[in-house]
Each structure stands twice: as structure tokens, then as C-alpha cells.
């Protein structure tokens, strides 16, 4: 018997968020109290818009609420976006950013730590992705500079995640550098063992280890670090990507302009690979193929950019 060809699924762009997701979004916003006590949300929004980015809705929850949030998201296939190690997440399907307030991190770093996470997630949310229907499911295939490579298998990692995470984190770093109080700076410098009044742009060498035990070192400004314990610091997985983009933006300011403008105008996206090709032929392709969003692989990408710019 002759085998019948598989029915081709069509991708259709939707004009608005599906009703099911609208209802889920409303349910979450109604269920959780927005915990903004002590946070300067107005300053966060003003900073984001001053950078030429559109603002986004942010829900602040208690760290203990992550489990309940995951339970609500799980039936919709969205629960894996938040974990106990995550401080914030942008859920494009709901056009909503959620930040979990970690009392331990706020005690060590001040509430500006949480404001920085909010800036990071707002930067992600500055690109309003399009909803598309494929088969019987609805997707948001583009998340800023990150593009879903397969609509048939959601486990396939996004391309462009390095640039998307680096962009969001560099905005966070600029916010912290501008608004971190003297007391908060002094505490960070003390833990790092650096002299008082050391600028947050000062670079330090940070090491990251892969799951197989391989170690890579990269250089980054201390504004991307936060106090993890009384005697140690850490950074987000996105920090190495941000430090690399910062190097590129300083030498090629048109790259910053193109990346910001493309958040609201996707036609500007075509300028970004052109600029990276001017930095070094093939560089953009290499960065797009960094599929693992962890500090080790992002450090490898960061070192590639730094080396190419120094050539």
C-alpha cells in the first residue's frame, strides 16, 4: 500500500493573544498579590523607557510562591520556565514578566538586586513577540533575538539566545551601575577585597566550570556580580554574554543602536548580522550556534567576541 504523505501543517499568525492564555494571565494576576514593597518600580520603568525600550508588565511574588505558580502553569506546558534557582522569568505566551523576591539575596545586596532582575526581564519584554498557530498549538516563536528552531519539538534549543540574554543583562548592569547606593557598592567591594571607590566598571577575571569539569575564564565588569554569601560573589548565567556585548557596543556603537531599535521594529534585525560580520566574518553564525544558556558556554562566546575585537 502506497504511503500517504504527511499532512503539511500551516503556520498562521494571530492578531492577538489566544483567549486561553488571556484567561491564564488574568488568573495569575488575580491570584498573586504584587509584592512591590520597598522597590522603586517607577525608577525601573523610567530607566527602561529612557533606553528607548517599551515597558512591560511585571508581577513580583514571594520566593515561596514559585511552587504554586508552577502548579498553575503546568497544565499549559509553561511550568518549566521557573525553578527554585530562578529570580525572574519572562513568559512571552502571557506577555508577562514575573520576578520572585529572594529575601537572602536582598539582605546581602539590597533591594536593588531585585530591581536589577526586573530591568533584565523588562528588557526581554521590550520585544512583543507575535503569536502563531501551528497545528493545534499556539507559539511565540521569536523572543527578541532568540528564535525557536523547531515548532514540532519544543525541546530543540533556541538560536540567538546568547544575544538575547546578553542584551537583557547589559541593561541590568547599566541600571545597577547608575543607581546602586554607596553602601551597596561598598559592601560588594568589601567582599571582593577591592579598595573603596573602585568603579563598578572595573574588570575582574571569573572562572566557570562545565558539567564535565572543564574550566573557562572570562573577564567582566564587577557590576555584573552580586554577593552570594558573606565571603563570596556570583553572577547570573547571562553575565558573560553581557560583558562581551559591552565590549562590542563600545567599539561599534551602531550595534547598540540596531539592537535597541529592533526591539520595536523587527525590520532592523537584518542590520545586526551585518555589523557582526564587519567585526569578524562568521562571528554572528558562531554566536547563533551557542544553544546552551549557561555561564560556561556563554563565557566561551564572550571570549570569542573579545578576541575578535582585539584582532
C-alpha atoms as a PDB file:
ATOM      1  CA  UNK A   1       0.000   0.000   0.000  1.00  0.00           C
ATOM      2  CA  UNK A   2       1.364   3.365  -1.014  1.00  0.00           C
ATOM      3  CA  UNK A   3       2.299   5.548   1.966  1.00  0.00           C
ATOM      4  CA  UNK A   4       0.328   8.772   2.170  1.00  0.00           C
ATOM      5  CA  UNK A   5       2.358  11.983   2.527  1.00  0.00           C
ATOM      6  CA  UNK A   6       2.170  13.610   5.935  1.00  0.00           C
ATOM      7  CA  UNK A   7      -0.246  16.497   6.047  1.00  0.00           C
ATOM      8  CA  UNK A   8       1.635  19.768   5.948  1.00  0.00           C
ATOM      9  CA  UNK A   9       0.978  21.976   8.956  1.00  0.00           C
ATOM     10  CA  UNK A  10       0.438  25.635   8.214  1.00  0.00           C
ATOM     11  CA  UNK A  11       1.812  28.450  10.314  1.00  0.00           C
ATOM     12  CA  UNK A  12      -0.766  31.168  10.817  1.00  0.00           C
ATOM     13  CA  UNK A  13      -0.076  34.489  12.537  1.00  0.00           C
ATOM     14  CA  UNK A  14      -2.689  35.524  15.110  1.00  0.00           C
ATOM     15  CA  UNK A  15      -3.781  39.108  15.679  1.00  0.00           C
ATOM     16  CA  UNK A  16      -3.967  38.796  19.456  1.00  0.00           C
ATOM     17  CA  UNK A  17      -3.200  36.565  22.416  1.00  0.00           C
ATOM     18  CA  UNK A  18      -5.358  33.400  22.414  1.00  0.00           C
ATOM     19  CA  UNK A  19      -8.295  33.582  24.804  1.00  0.00           C
ATOM     20  CA  UNK A  20      -6.979  30.615  26.814  1.00  0.00           C
ATOM     21  CA  UNK A  21      -3.764  32.494  27.561  1.00  0.00           C
ATOM     22  CA  UNK A  22      -5.632  35.724  28.264  1.00  0.00           C
ATOM     23  CA  UNK A  23      -7.622  33.865  30.911  1.00  0.00           C
ATOM     24  CA  UNK A  24      -4.486  32.289  32.391  1.00  0.00           C
ATOM     25  CA  UNK A  25      -2.776  35.683  32.552  1.00  0.00           C
ATOM     26  CA  UNK A  26      -5.778  37.221  34.310  1.00  0.00           C
ATOM     27  CA  UNK A  27      -5.941  34.279  36.722  1.00  0.00           C
ATOM     28  CA  UNK A  28      -2.284  34.695  37.732  1.00  0.00           C
ATOM     29  CA  UNK A  29      -2.568  38.459  38.201  1.00  0.00           C
ATOM     30  CA  UNK A  30      -5.678  37.977  40.330  1.00  0.00           C
ATOM     31  CA  UNK A  31      -4.282  35.092  42.402  1.00  0.00           C
ATOM     32  CA  UNK A  32      -0.920  36.604  43.397  1.00  0.00           C
ATOM     33  CA  UNK A  33      -0.512  39.856  45.271  1.00  0.00           C
ATOM     34  CA  UNK A  34       2.046  42.116  43.596  1.00  0.00           C
ATOM     35  CA  UNK A  35       4.815  42.330  46.242  1.00  0.00           C
ATOM     36  CA  UNK A  36       6.499  45.656  45.415  1.00  0.00           C
ATOM     37  CA  UNK A  37       7.186  46.931  48.946  1.00  0.00           C
ATOM     38  CA  UNK A  38      10.488  48.819  49.087  1.00  0.00           C
ATOM     39  CA  UNK A  39      11.102  48.631  45.353  1.00  0.00           C
ATOM     40  CA  UNK A  40      11.420  51.720  43.173  1.00  0.00           C
ATOM     41  CA  UNK A  41       9.256  50.447  40.312  1.00  0.00           C
ATOM     42  CA  UNK A  42       8.830  53.936  38.877  1.00  0.00           C
ATOM     43  CA  UNK A  43      12.616  54.265  38.563  1.00  0.00           C
ATOM     44  CA  UNK A  44      12.839  50.850  36.893  1.00  0.00           C
ATOM     45  CA  UNK A  45      10.225  51.795  34.294  1.00  0.00           C
ATOM     46  CA  UNK A  46      11.748  55.219  33.709  1.00  0.00           C
ATOM     47  CA  UNK A  47      15.164  53.652  33.123  1.00  0.00           C
ATOM     48  CA  UNK A  48      13.803  51.107  30.647  1.00  0.00           C
ATOM     49  CA  UNK A  49      11.915  53.701  28.608  1.00  0.00           C
ATOM     50  CA  UNK A  50      14.873  56.126  28.715  1.00  0.00           C
ATOM     51  CA  UNK A  51      16.905  53.447  26.918  1.00  0.00           C
ATOM     52  CA  UNK A  52      14.407  53.502  24.067  1.00  0.00           C
ATOM     53  CA  UNK A  53      12.655  50.311  25.139  1.00  0.00           C
ATOM     54  CA  UNK A  54       8.958  49.750  25.713  1.00  0.00           C
ATOM     55  CA  UNK A  55       7.897  48.830  29.238  1.00  0.00           C
ATOM     56  CA  UNK A  56       6.296  45.515  30.185  1.00  0.00           C
ATOM     57  CA  UNK A  57       4.005  44.267  32.921  1.00  0.00           C
ATOM     58  CA  UNK A  58       5.886  42.757  35.883  1.00  0.00           C
ATOM     59  CA  UNK A  59       4.458  40.682  38.706  1.00  0.00           C
ATOM     60  CA  UNK A  60       6.572  40.441  41.869  1.00  0.00           C
ATOM     61  CA  UNK A  61       5.912  37.383  44.009  1.00  0.00           C
ATOM     62  CA  UNK A  62       7.381  35.909  47.187  1.00  0.00           C
ATOM     63  CA  UNK A  63      10.066  33.290  46.631  1.00  0.00           C
ATOM     64  CA  UNK A  64       7.858  30.740  48.371  1.00  0.00           C
ATOM     65  CA  UNK A  65       5.162  31.274  45.724  1.00  0.00           C
ATOM     66  CA  UNK A  66       7.242  29.705  42.928  1.00  0.00           C
ATOM     67  CA  UNK A  67       5.841  26.237  43.635  1.00  0.00           C
ATOM     68  CA  UNK A  68       2.232  27.405  43.438  1.00  0.00           C
ATOM     69  CA  UNK A  69       2.954  29.384  40.276  1.00  0.00           C
ATOM     70  CA  UNK A  70       4.460  26.293  38.656  1.00  0.00           C
ATOM     71  CA  UNK A  71       1.355  24.305  39.550  1.00  0.00           C
ATOM     72  CA  UNK A  72      -0.826  26.869  37.786  1.00  0.00           C
ATOM     73  CA  UNK A  73       1.421  26.964  34.702  1.00  0.00           C
ATOM     74  CA  UNK A  74       1.977  23.190  34.391  1.00  0.00           C
ATOM     75  CA  UNK A  75      -1.288  22.268  32.599  1.00  0.00           C
ATOM     76  CA  UNK A  76      -0.368  24.801  29.901  1.00  0.00           C
ATOM     77  CA  UNK A  77       3.145  23.450  29.360  1.00  0.00           C
ATOM     78  CA  UNK A  78       4.756  26.552  30.874  1.00  0.00           C
ATOM     79  CA  UNK A  79       5.854  25.310  34.319  1.00  0.00           C
ATOM     80  CA  UNK A  80       9.471  24.606  33.327  1.00  0.00           C
ATOM     81  CA  UNK A  81      10.129  28.321  32.800  1.00  0.00           C
ATOM     82  CA  UNK A  82      10.501  28.925  36.542  1.00  0.00           C
ATOM     83  CA  UNK A  83      12.618  26.999  39.030  1.00  0.00           C
ATOM     84  CA  UNK A  84      13.870  27.458  42.587  1.00  0.00           C
ATOM     85  CA  UNK A  85      17.176  28.763  41.208  1.00  0.00           C
ATOM     86  CA  UNK A  86      15.478  31.436  39.077  1.00  0.00           C
ATOM     87  CA  UNK A  87      14.925  35.003  40.226  1.00  0.00           C
ATOM     88  CA  UNK A  88      12.930  36.142  37.228  1.00  0.00           C
ATOM     89  CA  UNK A  89      11.334  34.921  34.037  1.00  0.00           C
ATOM     90  CA  UNK A  90       9.619  36.444  31.043  1.00  0.00           C
ATOM     91  CA  UNK A  91       6.659  34.372  29.807  1.00  0.00           C
ATOM     92  CA  UNK A  92       6.095  35.547  26.220  1.00  0.00           C
ATOM     93  CA  UNK A  93       2.927  33.479  25.856  1.00  0.00           C
ATOM     94  CA  UNK A  94       1.339  35.656  28.564  1.00  0.00           C
ATOM     95  CA  UNK A  95       3.172  38.898  27.753  1.00  0.00           C
ATOM     96  CA  UNK A  96       4.176  38.961  31.404  1.00  0.00           C
ATOM     97  CA  UNK A  97       7.382  39.107  33.430  1.00  0.00           C
ATOM     98  CA  UNK A  98       7.486  37.511  36.871  1.00  0.00           C
ATOM     99  CA  UNK A  99      10.149  38.268  39.477  1.00  0.00           C
ATOM    100  CA  UNK A 100      10.477  36.177  42.641  1.00  0.00           C
ATOM    101  CA  UNK A 101      11.841  38.190  45.546  1.00  0.00           C
ATOM    102  CA  UNK A 102      14.645  36.314  47.257  1.00  0.00           C
ATOM    103  CA  UNK A 103      14.995  37.606  50.852  1.00  0.00           C
ATOM    104  CA  UNK A 104      18.522  36.199  51.250  1.00  0.00           C
ATOM    105  CA  UNK A 105      19.802  37.983  48.136  1.00  0.00           C
ATOM    106  CA  UNK A 106      18.039  41.214  49.092  1.00  0.00           C
ATOM    107  CA  UNK A 107      19.553  41.084  52.583  1.00  0.00           C
ATOM    108  CA  UNK A 108      23.068  40.705  51.180  1.00  0.00           C
ATOM    109  CA  UNK A 109      22.761  43.036  48.189  1.00  0.00           C
ATOM    110  CA  UNK A 110      19.892  45.365  48.966  1.00  0.00           C
ATOM    111  CA  UNK A 111      16.559  45.611  47.205  1.00  0.00           C
ATOM    112  CA  UNK A 112      18.304  46.965  44.146  1.00  0.00           C
ATOM    113  CA  UNK A 113      19.195  43.345  43.396  1.00  0.00           C
ATOM    114  CA  UNK A 114      15.513  42.648  42.697  1.00  0.00           C
ATOM    115  CA  UNK A 115      15.156  45.883  40.740  1.00  0.00           C
ATOM    116  CA  UNK A 116      18.052  44.728  38.549  1.00  0.00           C
ATOM    117  CA  UNK A 117      16.252  41.448  37.841  1.00  0.00           C
ATOM    118  CA  UNK A 118      13.164  43.475  36.926  1.00  0.00           C
ATOM    119  CA  UNK A 119      15.183  45.523  34.430  1.00  0.00           C
ATOM    120  CA  UNK A 120      16.559  42.312  32.898  1.00  0.00           C
ATOM    121  CA  UNK A 121      13.069  40.859  32.437  1.00  0.00           C
ATOM    122  CA  UNK A 122      11.733  44.206  31.186  1.00  0.00           C
ATOM    123  CA  UNK A 123      14.438  44.221  28.528  1.00  0.00           C
ATOM    124  CA  UNK A 124      13.239  40.796  27.381  1.00  0.00           C
ATOM    125  CA  UNK A 125       9.685  42.098  27.365  1.00  0.00           C
ATOM    126  CA  UNK A 126      10.595  45.143  25.259  1.00  0.00           C
ATOM    127  CA  UNK A 127      10.082  42.872  22.244  1.00  0.00           C
ATOM    128  CA  UNK A 128       6.451  41.892  21.888  1.00  0.00           C
ATOM    129  CA  UNK A 129       6.544  38.546  20.079  1.00  0.00           C
ATOM    130  CA  UNK A 130       3.894  37.517  17.571  1.00  0.00           C
ATOM    131  CA  UNK A 131       1.517  34.656  18.300  1.00  0.00           C
ATOM    132  CA  UNK A 132       1.385  31.955  15.649  1.00  0.00           C
ATOM    133  CA  UNK A 133      -0.804  28.900  15.337  1.00  0.00           C
ATOM    134  CA  UNK A 134       0.864  25.715  14.160  1.00  0.00           C
ATOM    135  CA  UNK A 135      -1.143  22.529  14.020  1.00  0.00           C
ATOM    136  CA  UNK A 136      -3.310  22.520  17.121  1.00  0.00           C
ATOM    137  CA  UNK A 137      -0.971  24.640  19.266  1.00  0.00           C
ATOM    138  CA  UNK A 138      -0.064  28.293  19.618  1.00  0.00           C
ATOM    139  CA  UNK A 139       3.507  29.541  19.915  1.00  0.00           C
ATOM    140  CA  UNK A 140       5.559  32.694  20.288  1.00  0.00           C
ATOM    141  CA  UNK A 141       8.499  31.592  18.105  1.00  0.00           C
ATOM    142  CA  UNK A 142      10.637  34.712  18.425  1.00  0.00           C
ATOM    143  CA  UNK A 143      11.831  36.032  21.776  1.00  0.00           C
ATOM    144  CA  UNK A 144      13.718  39.151  20.785  1.00  0.00           C
ATOM    145  CA  UNK A 145      16.972  37.934  19.240  1.00  0.00           C
ATOM    146  CA  UNK A 146      16.213  34.305  20.097  1.00  0.00           C
ATOM    147  CA  UNK A 147      14.311  32.217  17.558  1.00  0.00           C
ATOM    148  CA  UNK A 148      12.684  28.842  18.114  1.00  0.00           C
ATOM    149  CA  UNK A 149      14.290  26.463  15.612  1.00  0.00           C
ATOM    150  CA  UNK A 150      11.545  23.837  15.637  1.00  0.00           C
ATOM    151  CA  UNK A 151       7.802  24.144  16.163  1.00  0.00           C
ATOM    152  CA  UNK A 152       7.478  20.365  16.110  1.00  0.00           C
ATOM    153  CA  UNK A 153       9.847  19.809  19.036  1.00  0.00           C
ATOM    154  CA  UNK A 154       9.940  22.455  21.763  1.00  0.00           C
ATOM    155  CA  UNK A 155      12.942  20.766  23.375  1.00  0.00           C
ATOM    156  CA  UNK A 156      15.109  21.977  20.489  1.00  0.00           C
ATOM    157  CA  UNK A 157      17.031  24.973  21.894  1.00  0.00           C
ATOM    158  CA  UNK A 158      16.628  28.482  20.534  1.00  0.00           C
ATOM    159  CA  UNK A 159      19.210  30.077  18.279  1.00  0.00           C
ATOM    160  CA  UNK A 160      20.284  33.589  19.261  1.00  0.00           C
ATOM    161  CA  UNK A 161      19.857  33.018  22.996  1.00  0.00           C
ATOM    162  CA  UNK A 162      23.375  34.387  23.603  1.00  0.00           C
ATOM    163  CA  UNK A 163      22.469  37.802  22.164  1.00  0.00           C
ATOM    164  CA  UNK A 164      19.040  37.893  23.807  1.00  0.00           C
ATOM    165  CA  UNK A 165      20.351  37.098  27.292  1.00  0.00           C
ATOM    166  CA  UNK A 166      23.365  39.358  26.863  1.00  0.00           C
ATOM    167  CA  UNK A 167      21.135  42.253  25.825  1.00  0.00           C
ATOM    168  CA  UNK A 168      18.838  41.886  28.838  1.00  0.00           C
ATOM    169  CA  UNK A 169      21.741  41.552  31.267  1.00  0.00           C
ATOM    170  CA  UNK A 170      23.645  44.542  29.933  1.00  0.00           C
ATOM    171  CA  UNK A 171      20.582  46.678  30.612  1.00  0.00           C
ATOM    172  CA  UNK A 172      20.509  45.313  34.153  1.00  0.00           C
ATOM    173  CA  UNK A 173      24.216  46.095  34.564  1.00  0.00           C
ATOM    174  CA  UNK A 174      23.762  49.675  33.383  1.00  0.00           C
ATOM    175  CA  UNK A 175      20.894  50.150  35.828  1.00  0.00           C
ATOM    176  CA  UNK A 176      22.956  48.854  38.752  1.00  0.00           C
ATOM    177  CA  UNK A 177      25.937  50.987  37.786  1.00  0.00           C
ATOM    178  CA  UNK A 178      23.723  54.072  37.720  1.00  0.00           C
ATOM    179  CA  UNK A 179      21.599  53.517  40.819  1.00  0.00           C
ATOM    180  CA  UNK A 180      23.480  51.282  43.256  1.00  0.00           C
ATOM    181  CA  UNK A 181      23.903  53.205  46.504  1.00  0.00           C
ATOM    182  CA  UNK A 182      27.256  53.941  48.095  1.00  0.00           C
ATOM    183  CA  UNK A 183      26.513  51.470  50.878  1.00  0.00           C
ATOM    184  CA  UNK A 184      25.630  48.715  48.407  1.00  0.00           C
ATOM    185  CA  UNK A 185      28.784  49.376  46.374  1.00  0.00           C
ATOM    186  CA  UNK A 186      30.987  49.378  49.473  1.00  0.00           C
ATOM    187  CA  UNK A 187      29.594  46.024  50.582  1.00  0.00           C
ATOM    188  CA  UNK A 188      30.260  44.432  47.185  1.00  0.00           C
ATOM    189  CA  UNK A 189      33.784  45.866  47.037  1.00  0.00           C
ATOM    190  CA  UNK A 190      34.474  44.635  50.566  1.00  0.00           C
ATOM    191  CA  UNK A 191      33.511  41.062  49.700  1.00  0.00           C
ATOM    192  CA  UNK A 192      35.632  41.276  46.538  1.00  0.00           C
ATOM    193  CA  UNK A 193      38.576  42.625  48.525  1.00  0.00           C
ATOM    194  CA  UNK A 194      38.812  45.759  46.370  1.00  0.00           C
ATOM    195  CA  UNK A 195      39.579  49.316  47.555  1.00  0.00           C
ATOM    196  CA  UNK A 196      36.787  51.759  48.326  1.00  0.00           C
ATOM    197  CA  UNK A 197      35.570  53.888  45.423  1.00  0.00           C
ATOM    198  CA  UNK A 198      36.608  51.241  42.890  1.00  0.00           C
ATOM    199  CA  UNK A 199      34.295  51.888  39.902  1.00  0.00           C
ATOM    200  CA  UNK A 200      31.770  49.213  39.008  1.00  0.00           C
ATOM    201  CA  UNK A 201      33.254  49.218  35.512  1.00  0.00           C
ATOM    202  CA  UNK A 202      36.444  47.670  36.938  1.00  0.00           C
ATOM    203  CA  UNK A 203      37.037  44.288  35.307  1.00  0.00           C
ATOM    204  CA  UNK A 204      37.822  41.069  37.162  1.00  0.00           C
ATOM    205  CA  UNK A 205      38.541  37.553  35.965  1.00  0.00           C
ATOM    206  CA  UNK A 206      35.840  34.988  36.697  1.00  0.00           C
ATOM    207  CA  UNK A 207      36.047  31.208  36.237  1.00  0.00           C
ATOM    208  CA  UNK A 208      33.215  28.907  35.187  1.00  0.00           C
ATOM    209  CA  UNK A 209      33.110  25.136  35.078  1.00  0.00           C
ATOM    210  CA  UNK A 210      31.196  22.892  32.706  1.00  0.00           C
ATOM    211  CA  UNK A 211      29.290  19.817  33.876  1.00  0.00           C
ATOM    212  CA  UNK A 212      32.183  17.679  32.648  1.00  0.00           C
ATOM    213  CA  UNK A 213      34.706  19.647  34.715  1.00  0.00           C
ATOM    214  CA  UNK A 214      36.223  21.869  32.024  1.00  0.00           C
ATOM    215  CA  UNK A 215      37.085  25.373  33.215  1.00  0.00           C
ATOM    216  CA  UNK A 216      36.951  28.609  31.244  1.00  0.00           C
ATOM    217  CA  UNK A 217      37.976  32.065  32.435  1.00  0.00           C
ATOM    218  CA  UNK A 218      36.472  35.306  31.223  1.00  0.00           C
ATOM    219  CA  UNK A 219      36.763  38.960  32.158  1.00  0.00           C
ATOM    220  CA  UNK A 220      33.761  41.043  33.188  1.00  0.00           C
ATOM    221  CA  UNK A 221      32.975  44.329  34.979  1.00  0.00           C
ATOM    222  CA  UNK A 222      32.106  43.915  38.650  1.00  0.00           C
ATOM    223  CA  UNK A 223      28.664  45.492  38.101  1.00  0.00           C
ATOM    224  CA  UNK A 224      27.544  42.067  36.855  1.00  0.00           C
ATOM    225  CA  UNK A 225      28.463  40.406  40.165  1.00  0.00           C
ATOM    226  CA  UNK A 226      26.338  40.076  43.271  1.00  0.00           C
ATOM    227  CA  UNK A 227      27.044  38.893  46.811  1.00  0.00           C
ATOM    228  CA  UNK A 228      26.153  35.225  47.179  1.00  0.00           C
ATOM    229  CA  UNK A 229      27.369  34.726  50.740  1.00  0.00           C
ATOM    230  CA  UNK A 230      29.282  36.610  53.403  1.00  0.00           C
ATOM    231  CA  UNK A 231      32.545  35.636  51.710  1.00  0.00           C
ATOM    232  CA  UNK A 232      31.694  35.080  48.071  1.00  0.00           C
ATOM    233  CA  UNK A 233      30.171  36.516  44.918  1.00  0.00           C
ATOM    234  CA  UNK A 234      28.407  35.097  41.907  1.00  0.00           C
ATOM    235  CA  UNK A 235      26.790  36.293  38.693  1.00  0.00           C
ATOM    236  CA  UNK A 236      23.867  35.276  36.535  1.00  0.00           C
ATOM    237  CA  UNK A 237      24.428  32.888  33.633  1.00  0.00           C
ATOM    238  CA  UNK A 238      23.801  35.833  31.302  1.00  0.00           C
ATOM    239  CA  UNK A 239      26.628  37.980  32.686  1.00  0.00           C
ATOM    240  CA  UNK A 240      29.422  36.677  30.399  1.00  0.00           C
ATOM    241  CA  UNK A 241      27.258  37.395  27.341  1.00  0.00           C
ATOM    242  CA  UNK A 242      26.554  40.907  28.624  1.00  0.00           C
ATOM    243  CA  UNK A 243      30.228  41.691  29.234  1.00  0.00           C
ATOM    244  CA  UNK A 244      31.026  40.602  25.668  1.00  0.00           C
ATOM    245  CA  UNK A 245      28.266  42.747  24.195  1.00  0.00           C
ATOM    246  CA  UNK A 246      29.512  45.695  26.231  1.00  0.00           C
ATOM    247  CA  UNK A 247      32.926  45.358  24.568  1.00  0.00           C
ATOM    248  CA  UNK A 248      31.295  45.229  21.140  1.00  0.00           C
ATOM    249  CA  UNK A 249      28.995  48.183  21.849  1.00  0.00           C
ATOM    250  CA  UNK A 250      31.905  50.402  22.899  1.00  0.00           C
ATOM    251  CA  UNK A 251      33.793  49.827  19.653  1.00  0.00           C
ATOM    252  CA  UNK A 252      30.727  49.551  17.417  1.00  0.00           C
ATOM    253  CA  UNK A 253      28.057  51.889  18.861  1.00  0.00           C
ATOM    254  CA  UNK A 254      25.889  51.261  15.809  1.00  0.00           C
ATOM    255  CA  UNK A 255      25.402  47.720  17.144  1.00  0.00           C
ATOM    256  CA  UNK A 256      23.780  49.069  20.308  1.00  0.00           C
ATOM    257  CA  UNK A 257      21.540  51.322  18.223  1.00  0.00           C
ATOM    258  CA  UNK A 258      20.471  48.473  15.941  1.00  0.00           C
ATOM    259  CA  UNK A 259      19.769  46.083  18.818  1.00  0.00           C
ATOM    260  CA  UNK A 260      17.626  48.628  20.668  1.00  0.00           C
ATOM    261  CA  UNK A 261      15.728  49.768  17.576  1.00  0.00           C
ATOM    262  CA  UNK A 262      14.998  46.185  16.547  1.00  0.00           C
ATOM    263  CA  UNK A 263      13.053  45.577  19.771  1.00  0.00           C
ATOM    264  CA  UNK A 264      10.207  47.611  18.339  1.00  0.00           C
ATOM    265  CA  UNK A 265      10.927  47.195  14.625  1.00  0.00           C
ATOM    266  CA  UNK A 266      11.831  43.680  13.500  1.00  0.00           C
ATOM    267  CA  UNK A 267      12.979  45.011  10.106  1.00  0.00           C
ATOM    268  CA  UNK A 268      16.035  46.362  11.952  1.00  0.00           C
ATOM    269  CA  UNK A 269      17.091  42.808  12.870  1.00  0.00           C
ATOM    270  CA  UNK A 270      18.809  42.407   9.495  1.00  0.00           C
ATOM    271  CA  UNK A 271      21.352  45.084  10.456  1.00  0.00           C
ATOM    272  CA  UNK A 272      22.699  43.083  13.396  1.00  0.00           C
ATOM    273  CA  UNK A 273      24.403  40.215  11.490  1.00  0.00           C
ATOM    274  CA  UNK A 274      25.887  42.771   9.083  1.00  0.00           C
ATOM    275  CA  UNK A 275      27.605  44.573  11.954  1.00  0.00           C
ATOM    276  CA  UNK A 276      28.918  41.341  13.467  1.00  0.00           C
ATOM    277  CA  UNK A 277      30.273  40.361  10.047  1.00  0.00           C
ATOM    278  CA  UNK A 278      32.209  43.634   9.985  1.00  0.00           C
ATOM    279  CA  UNK A 279      33.701  42.736  13.352  1.00  0.00           C
ATOM    280  CA  UNK A 280      34.759  39.333  12.034  1.00  0.00           C
ATOM    281  CA  UNK A 281      33.409  37.177   9.180  1.00  0.00           C
ATOM    282  CA  UNK A 282      31.459  34.221  10.558  1.00  0.00           C
ATOM    283  CA  UNK A 283      31.194  35.669  14.086  1.00  0.00           C
ATOM    284  CA  UNK A 284      27.423  36.094  14.012  1.00  0.00           C
ATOM    285  CA  UNK A 285      26.931  32.486  12.932  1.00  0.00           C
ATOM    286  CA  UNK A 286      29.143  31.245  15.772  1.00  0.00           C
ATOM    287  CA  UNK A 287      27.180  33.218  18.353  1.00  0.00           C
ATOM    288  CA  UNK A 288      23.850  31.994  16.982  1.00  0.00           C
ATOM    289  CA  UNK A 289      25.007  28.408  17.490  1.00  0.00           C
ATOM    290  CA  UNK A 290      25.532  28.837  21.232  1.00  0.00           C
ATOM    291  CA  UNK A 291      22.440  26.886  22.229  1.00  0.00           C
ATOM    292  CA  UNK A 292      23.167  26.223  25.909  1.00  0.00           C
ATOM    293  CA  UNK A 293      22.181  29.152  28.103  1.00  0.00           C
ATOM    294  CA  UNK A 294      24.679  28.630  30.923  1.00  0.00           C
ATOM    295  CA  UNK A 295      27.638  30.631  32.192  1.00  0.00           C
ATOM    296  CA  UNK A 296      30.225  28.180  30.833  1.00  0.00           C
ATOM    297  CA  UNK A 297      29.026  28.265  27.220  1.00  0.00           C
ATOM    298  CA  UNK A 298      28.262  31.987  27.381  1.00  0.00           C
ATOM    299  CA  UNK A 299      31.844  32.552  28.588  1.00  0.00           C
ATOM    300  CA  UNK A 300      33.147  30.737  25.533  1.00  0.00           C
ATOM    301  CA  UNK A 301      31.100  33.095  23.364  1.00  0.00           C
ATOM    302  CA  UNK A 302      32.275  36.096  25.348  1.00  0.00           C
ATOM    303  CA  UNK A 303      35.912  35.162  24.806  1.00  0.00           C
ATOM    304  CA  UNK A 304      35.308  34.739  21.077  1.00  0.00           C
ATOM    305  CA  UNK A 305      33.947  38.302  20.792  1.00  0.00           C
ATOM    306  CA  UNK A 306      36.743  39.775  22.918  1.00  0.00           C
ATOM    307  CA  UNK A 307      39.407  38.024  20.838  1.00  0.00           C
ATOM    308  CA  UNK A 308      37.899  39.117  17.521  1.00  0.00           C
ATOM    309  CA  UNK A 309      37.611  42.753  18.575  1.00  0.00           C
ATOM    310  CA  UNK A 310      41.249  42.802  19.710  1.00  0.00           C
ATOM    311  CA  UNK A 311      42.476  41.439  16.354  1.00  0.00           C
END
